[in-house]
Amino acid sequence: MAGVPAAGFNRGSGVFLSTFEKQLDSKRRIVVPQDFRAALSGPFDGIFCFPSIEADCLEAGGKSLFDRYQGVIDELPFGDPLRSALETSVLGGMARLSFDSAGRITLPDTLCEMFGLTDWVAVVGLGERFQIWSREAFQAHRAAQRELARDGLAAMRAQQRTARIGGVA
């Protein structure tokens, strides 16, 4: 899959768009798409990466993504079970991954093993964050998400039509 250039976005825009297939090398390194590297800003030249809490993949992004999760956690009082679960799942599973001179990151063994990342991976832009999937798992996920989006949009349109008709009467 070829990525669509994020034309018009400046360095640090924080917007991750498109899907790219990348090969994981023998040292578990992948080249992060140039558009994604350009979307990052801040003093840390790399990404924050952790096991996604919503899907069987890795979630990644810049400091703004880290700050967003930290903000959600900070809203909860100490001792709250949800706070503890988020701290363990997000912060406890997070790795700071620096870019090398070729724009690659090295994925930790534990994260690769968790989601079967062994050869080809899909790097999927989701706006303010991106995900790293095994290619096969992403193909199934994408099909399911497309169906959910299609059905959800059809239901929303039907609701809007019903509301317009009901509002006219």
C-alpha atoms as a PDB file:
ATOM      1  CA  MET A   1       0.000   0.000   0.000  1.00  0.00           C
ATOM      2  CA  ALA A   2       1.342   3.398  -0.843  1.00  0.00           C
ATOM      3  CA  GLY A   3       0.826   6.238   1.553  1.00  0.00           C
ATOM      4  CA  VAL A   4      -0.848   9.432   0.500  1.00  0.00           C
ATOM      5  CA  PRO A   5       1.454  12.363   1.241  1.00  0.00           C
ATOM      6  CA  ALA A   6       0.176  14.594   4.010  1.00  0.00           C
ATOM      7  CA  ALA A   7       0.584  17.663   1.839  1.00  0.00           C
ATOM      8  CA  GLY A   8       0.039  20.957   3.558  1.00  0.00           C
ATOM      9  CA  PHE A   9       0.963  19.708   7.006  1.00  0.00           C
ATOM     10  CA  ASN A  10       3.977  21.253   8.678  1.00  0.00           C
ATOM     11  CA  ARG A  11       6.442  19.578  10.986  1.00  0.00           C
ATOM     12  CA  GLY A  12       4.773  19.093  14.326  1.00  0.00           C
ATOM     13  CA  SER A  13       1.225  19.189  12.954  1.00  0.00           C
ATOM     14  CA  GLY A  14       0.509  15.961  14.836  1.00  0.00           C
ATOM     15  CA  VAL A  15      -1.575  14.480  12.020  1.00  0.00           C
ATOM     16  CA  PHE A  16      -0.903  10.893  10.957  1.00  0.00           C
ATOM     17  CA  LEU A  17      -2.653   9.904   7.725  1.00  0.00           C
ATOM     18  CA  SER A  18      -2.778   6.875   5.435  1.00  0.00           C
ATOM     19  CA  THR A  19      -1.616   3.265   5.711  1.00  0.00           C
ATOM     20  CA  PHE A  20       1.844   1.986   4.883  1.00  0.00           C
ATOM     21  CA  GLU A  21       3.225  -1.542   4.772  1.00  0.00           C
ATOM     22  CA  LYS A  22       6.737  -1.829   6.152  1.00  0.00           C
ATOM     23  CA  GLN A  23       9.043  -4.781   6.629  1.00  0.00           C
ATOM     24  CA  LEU A  24      10.382  -5.495  10.086  1.00  0.00           C
ATOM     25  CA  ASP A  25      14.065  -6.369   9.779  1.00  0.00           C
ATOM     26  CA  SER A  26      15.961  -9.016  11.767  1.00  0.00           C
ATOM     27  CA  LYS A  27      16.633  -6.456  14.528  1.00  0.00           C
ATOM     28  CA  ARG A  28      12.891  -5.597  14.768  1.00  0.00           C
ATOM     29  CA  ARG A  29      13.395  -2.194  13.138  1.00  0.00           C
ATOM     30  CA  ILE A  30      10.934  -0.471  10.843  1.00  0.00           C
ATOM     31  CA  VAL A  31      11.212   2.768   8.945  1.00  0.00           C
ATOM     32  CA  VAL A  32       8.568   5.147  10.234  1.00  0.00           C
ATOM     33  CA  PRO A  33       6.964   6.886   7.229  1.00  0.00           C
ATOM     34  CA  GLN A  34       8.482  10.324   6.547  1.00  0.00           C
ATOM     35  CA  ASP A  35       5.043  11.951   6.797  1.00  0.00           C
ATOM     36  CA  PHE A  36       4.646  10.490  10.286  1.00  0.00           C
ATOM     37  CA  ARG A  37       8.095  11.653  11.391  1.00  0.00           C
ATOM     38  CA  ALA A  38       7.270  15.124  10.074  1.00  0.00           C
ATOM     39  CA  ALA A  39       4.051  15.183  12.121  1.00  0.00           C
ATOM     40  CA  LEU A  40       5.992  14.856  15.375  1.00  0.00           C
ATOM     41  CA  SER A  41       7.336  17.762  17.376  1.00  0.00           C
ATOM     42  CA  GLY A  42       9.071  18.356  20.663  1.00  0.00           C
ATOM     43  CA  PRO A  43      12.476  17.770  22.173  1.00  0.00           C
ATOM     44  CA  PHE A  44      12.236  13.964  21.949  1.00  0.00           C
ATOM     45  CA  ASP A  45      13.178  12.679  18.475  1.00  0.00           C
ATOM     46  CA  GLY A  46      11.057   9.552  18.471  1.00  0.00           C
ATOM     47  CA  ILE A  47       7.705   8.133  19.465  1.00  0.00           C
ATOM     48  CA  PHE A  48       5.864   6.792  22.477  1.00  0.00           C
ATOM     49  CA  CYS A  49       4.603   3.261  21.790  1.00  0.00           C
ATOM     50  CA  PHE A  50       2.443   0.890  23.864  1.00  0.00           C
ATOM     51  CA  PRO A  51      -0.037  -1.985  23.525  1.00  0.00           C
ATOM     52  CA  SER A  52      -3.344  -0.541  22.352  1.00  0.00           C
ATOM     53  CA  ILE A  53      -6.198  -0.861  24.811  1.00  0.00           C
ATOM     54  CA  GLU A  54      -8.771  -0.982  22.005  1.00  0.00           C
ATOM     55  CA  ALA A  55      -7.266  -3.406  19.484  1.00  0.00           C
ATOM     56  CA  ASP A  56      -4.635  -6.133  19.071  1.00  0.00           C
ATOM     57  CA  CYS A  57      -1.863  -3.835  17.897  1.00  0.00           C
ATOM     58  CA  LEU A  58       0.612  -1.234  19.057  1.00  0.00           C
ATOM     59  CA  GLU A  59      -0.442   2.361  19.453  1.00  0.00           C
ATOM     60  CA  ALA A  60       2.051   5.159  18.927  1.00  0.00           C
ATOM     61  CA  GLY A  61       2.389   8.889  18.668  1.00  0.00           C
ATOM     62  CA  GLY A  62       4.256  11.903  19.867  1.00  0.00           C
ATOM     63  CA  LYS A  63       4.351  13.770  23.146  1.00  0.00           C
ATOM     64  CA  SER A  64       0.838  15.120  22.569  1.00  0.00           C
ATOM     65  CA  LEU A  65      -0.564  11.571  22.616  1.00  0.00           C
ATOM     66  CA  PHE A  66       1.340  10.828  25.824  1.00  0.00           C
ATOM     67  CA  ASP A  67       0.015  14.083  27.344  1.00  0.00           C
ATOM     68  CA  ARG A  68      -3.537  13.208  26.334  1.00  0.00           C
ATOM     69  CA  TYR A  69      -3.430   9.820  28.068  1.00  0.00           C
ATOM     70  CA  GLN A  70      -1.701  11.365  31.087  1.00  0.00           C
ATOM     71  CA  GLY A  71      -4.478  13.977  31.245  1.00  0.00           C
ATOM     72  CA  VAL A  72      -7.179  11.294  31.285  1.00  0.00           C
ATOM     73  CA  ILE A  73      -5.315   9.437  34.034  1.00  0.00           C
ATOM     74  CA  ASP A  74      -4.789  12.620  36.072  1.00  0.00           C
ATOM     75  CA  GLU A  75      -8.548  13.292  36.119  1.00  0.00           C
ATOM     76  CA  LEU A  76      -9.081  10.114  38.139  1.00  0.00           C
ATOM     77  CA  PRO A  77      -8.311  10.007  41.875  1.00  0.00           C
ATOM     78  CA  PHE A  78      -5.469   7.902  43.235  1.00  0.00           C
ATOM     79  CA  GLY A  79      -6.768   4.469  44.176  1.00  0.00           C
ATOM     80  CA  ASP A  80      -9.479   4.494  41.504  1.00  0.00           C
ATOM     81  CA  PRO A  81      -9.492   1.078  39.756  1.00  0.00           C
ATOM     82  CA  LEU A  82      -9.798   2.665  36.296  1.00  0.00           C
ATOM     83  CA  ARG A  83      -6.825   4.938  37.001  1.00  0.00           C
ATOM     84  CA  SER A  84      -4.772   1.940  38.065  1.00  0.00           C
ATOM     85  CA  ALA A  85      -5.830  -0.023  34.986  1.00  0.00           C
ATOM     86  CA  LEU A  86      -4.886   2.851  32.661  1.00  0.00           C
ATOM     87  CA  GLU A  87      -1.570   3.432  34.418  1.00  0.00           C
ATOM     88  CA  THR A  88      -0.721  -0.256  34.137  1.00  0.00           C
ATOM     89  CA  SER A  89      -1.968  -0.715  30.569  1.00  0.00           C
ATOM     90  CA  VAL A  90      -0.735   2.521  29.036  1.00  0.00           C
ATOM     91  CA  LEU A  91       2.139   3.890  31.102  1.00  0.00           C
ATOM     92  CA  GLY A  92       3.394   0.499  32.289  1.00  0.00           C
ATOM     93  CA  GLY A  93       3.451  -0.853  28.742  1.00  0.00           C
ATOM     94  CA  MET A  94       4.877   2.271  27.112  1.00  0.00           C
ATOM     95  CA  ALA A  95       8.292   2.487  25.479  1.00  0.00           C
ATOM     96  CA  ARG A  96      10.069   5.609  24.250  1.00  0.00           C
ATOM     97  CA  LEU A  97      11.509   4.688  20.871  1.00  0.00           C
ATOM     98  CA  SER A  98      14.122   6.961  19.294  1.00  0.00           C
ATOM     99  CA  PHE A  99      14.667   7.339  15.562  1.00  0.00           C
ATOM    100  CA  ASP A 100      18.016   6.307  14.151  1.00  0.00           C
ATOM    101  CA  SER A 101      19.698   8.202  11.300  1.00  0.00           C
ATOM    102  CA  ALA A 102      17.561   6.303   8.749  1.00  0.00           C
ATOM    103  CA  GLY A 103      14.251   7.168  10.473  1.00  0.00           C
ATOM    104  CA  ARG A 104      13.862   3.689  11.948  1.00  0.00           C
ATOM    105  CA  ILE A 105      12.640   2.645  15.366  1.00  0.00           C
ATOM    106  CA  THR A 106      13.448  -0.639  17.066  1.00  0.00           C
ATOM    107  CA  LEU A 107      10.388  -2.367  18.511  1.00  0.00           C
ATOM    108  CA  PRO A 108      10.982  -4.172  21.827  1.00  0.00           C
ATOM    109  CA  ASP A 109      10.770  -7.982  21.721  1.00  0.00           C
ATOM    110  CA  THR A 110       7.922  -8.020  24.224  1.00  0.00           C
ATOM    111  CA  LEU A 111       5.748  -5.750  22.093  1.00  0.00           C
ATOM    112  CA  CYS A 112       6.494  -7.722  18.911  1.00  0.00           C
ATOM    113  CA  GLU A 113       5.680 -11.035  20.587  1.00  0.00           C
ATOM    114  CA  MET A 114       2.455  -9.679  22.070  1.00  0.00           C
ATOM    115  CA  PHE A 115       0.954  -9.022  18.622  1.00  0.00           C
ATOM    116  CA  GLY A 116       2.842 -11.409  16.342  1.00  0.00           C
ATOM    117  CA  LEU A 117       4.927  -8.726  14.639  1.00  0.00           C
ATOM    118  CA  THR A 118       7.499 -10.813  12.785  1.00  0.00           C
ATOM    119  CA  ASP A 119       7.792  -9.727   9.156  1.00  0.00           C
ATOM    120  CA  TRP A 120       5.497  -7.280   7.373  1.00  0.00           C
ATOM    121  CA  VAL A 121       3.559  -4.740   9.419  1.00  0.00           C
ATOM    122  CA  ALA A 122       0.892  -2.174   8.623  1.00  0.00           C
ATOM    123  CA  VAL A 123       1.496   1.328   9.973  1.00  0.00           C
ATOM    124  CA  VAL A 124      -1.928   2.972  10.118  1.00  0.00           C
ATOM    125  CA  GLY A 125      -2.484   6.700  10.609  1.00  0.00           C
ATOM    126  CA  LEU A 126      -5.443   7.634  12.796  1.00  0.00           C
ATOM    127  CA  GLY A 127      -5.145  11.403  12.977  1.00  0.00           C
ATOM    128  CA  GLU A 128      -3.406  12.226  16.264  1.00  0.00           C
ATOM    129  CA  ARG A 129      -1.976   8.720  16.665  1.00  0.00           C
ATOM    130  CA  PHE A 130      -1.015   5.695  14.630  1.00  0.00           C
ATOM    131  CA  GLN A 131      -1.109   1.946  15.059  1.00  0.00           C
ATOM    132  CA  ILE A 132       1.320  -0.819  14.128  1.00  0.00           C
ATOM    133  CA  TRP A 133      -0.343  -4.122  13.199  1.00  0.00           C
ATOM    134  CA  SER A 134       0.753  -7.439  11.819  1.00  0.00           C
ATOM    135  CA  ARG A 135      -0.228  -7.222   8.147  1.00  0.00           C
ATOM    136  CA  GLU A 136      -2.615 -10.176   8.378  1.00  0.00           C
ATOM    137  CA  ALA A 137      -4.355  -8.950  11.533  1.00  0.00           C
ATOM    138  CA  PHE A 138      -4.813  -5.501  10.023  1.00  0.00           C
ATOM    139  CA  GLN A 139      -6.424  -6.881   6.866  1.00  0.00           C
ATOM    140  CA  ALA A 140      -9.114  -8.566   8.977  1.00  0.00           C
ATOM    141  CA  HIS A 141      -9.481  -5.520  11.250  1.00  0.00           C
ATOM    142  CA  ARG A 142      -9.799  -3.136   8.293  1.00  0.00           C
ATOM    143  CA  ALA A 143     -12.579  -5.252   6.752  1.00  0.00           C
ATOM    144  CA  ALA A 144     -14.486  -5.344  10.056  1.00  0.00           C
ATOM    145  CA  GLN A 145     -14.010  -1.592  10.600  1.00  0.00           C
ATOM    146  CA  ARG A 146     -15.206  -0.815   7.075  1.00  0.00           C
ATOM    147  CA  GLU A 147     -18.374  -2.833   7.655  1.00  0.00           C
ATOM    148  CA  LEU A 148     -18.940  -1.149  11.032  1.00  0.00           C
ATOM    149  CA  ALA A 149     -18.414   2.301   9.479  1.00  0.00           C
ATOM    150  CA  ARG A 150     -20.782   1.521   6.594  1.00  0.00           C
ATOM    151  CA  ASP A 151     -23.509   0.180   8.906  1.00  0.00           C
ATOM    152  CA  GLY A 152     -23.048   2.978  11.433  1.00  0.00           C
ATOM    153  CA  LEU A 153     -23.223   5.683   8.781  1.00  0.00           C
ATOM    154  CA  ALA A 154     -26.365   4.130   7.279  1.00  0.00           C
ATOM    155  CA  ALA A 155     -27.988   4.074  10.736  1.00  0.00           C
ATOM    156  CA  MET A 156     -27.039   7.718  11.340  1.00  0.00           C
ATOM    157  CA  ARG A 157     -28.524   8.766   7.997  1.00  0.00           C
ATOM    158  CA  ALA A 158     -31.724   6.868   8.725  1.00  0.00           C
ATOM    159  CA  GLN A 159     -31.967   8.594  12.113  1.00  0.00           C
ATOM    160  CA  GLN A 160     -31.451  12.001  10.500  1.00  0.00           C
ATOM    161  CA  ARG A 161     -34.158  11.287   7.897  1.00  0.00           C
ATOM    162  CA  THR A 162     -36.555  10.193  10.631  1.00  0.00           C
ATOM    163  CA  ALA A 163     -35.811  13.340  12.636  1.00  0.00           C
ATOM    164  CA  ARG A 164     -36.393  15.579   9.574  1.00  0.00           C
ATOM    165  CA  ILE A 165     -39.666  13.838   8.745  1.00  0.00           C
ATOM    166  CA  GLY A 166     -40.768  13.955  12.375  1.00  0.00           C
ATOM    167  CA  GLY A 167     -39.843  17.644  12.644  1.00  0.00           C
ATOM    168  CA  VAL A 168     -41.948  18.572   9.575  1.00  0.00           C
ATOM    169  CA  ALA A 169     -45.182  17.055  10.855  1.00  0.00           C
END
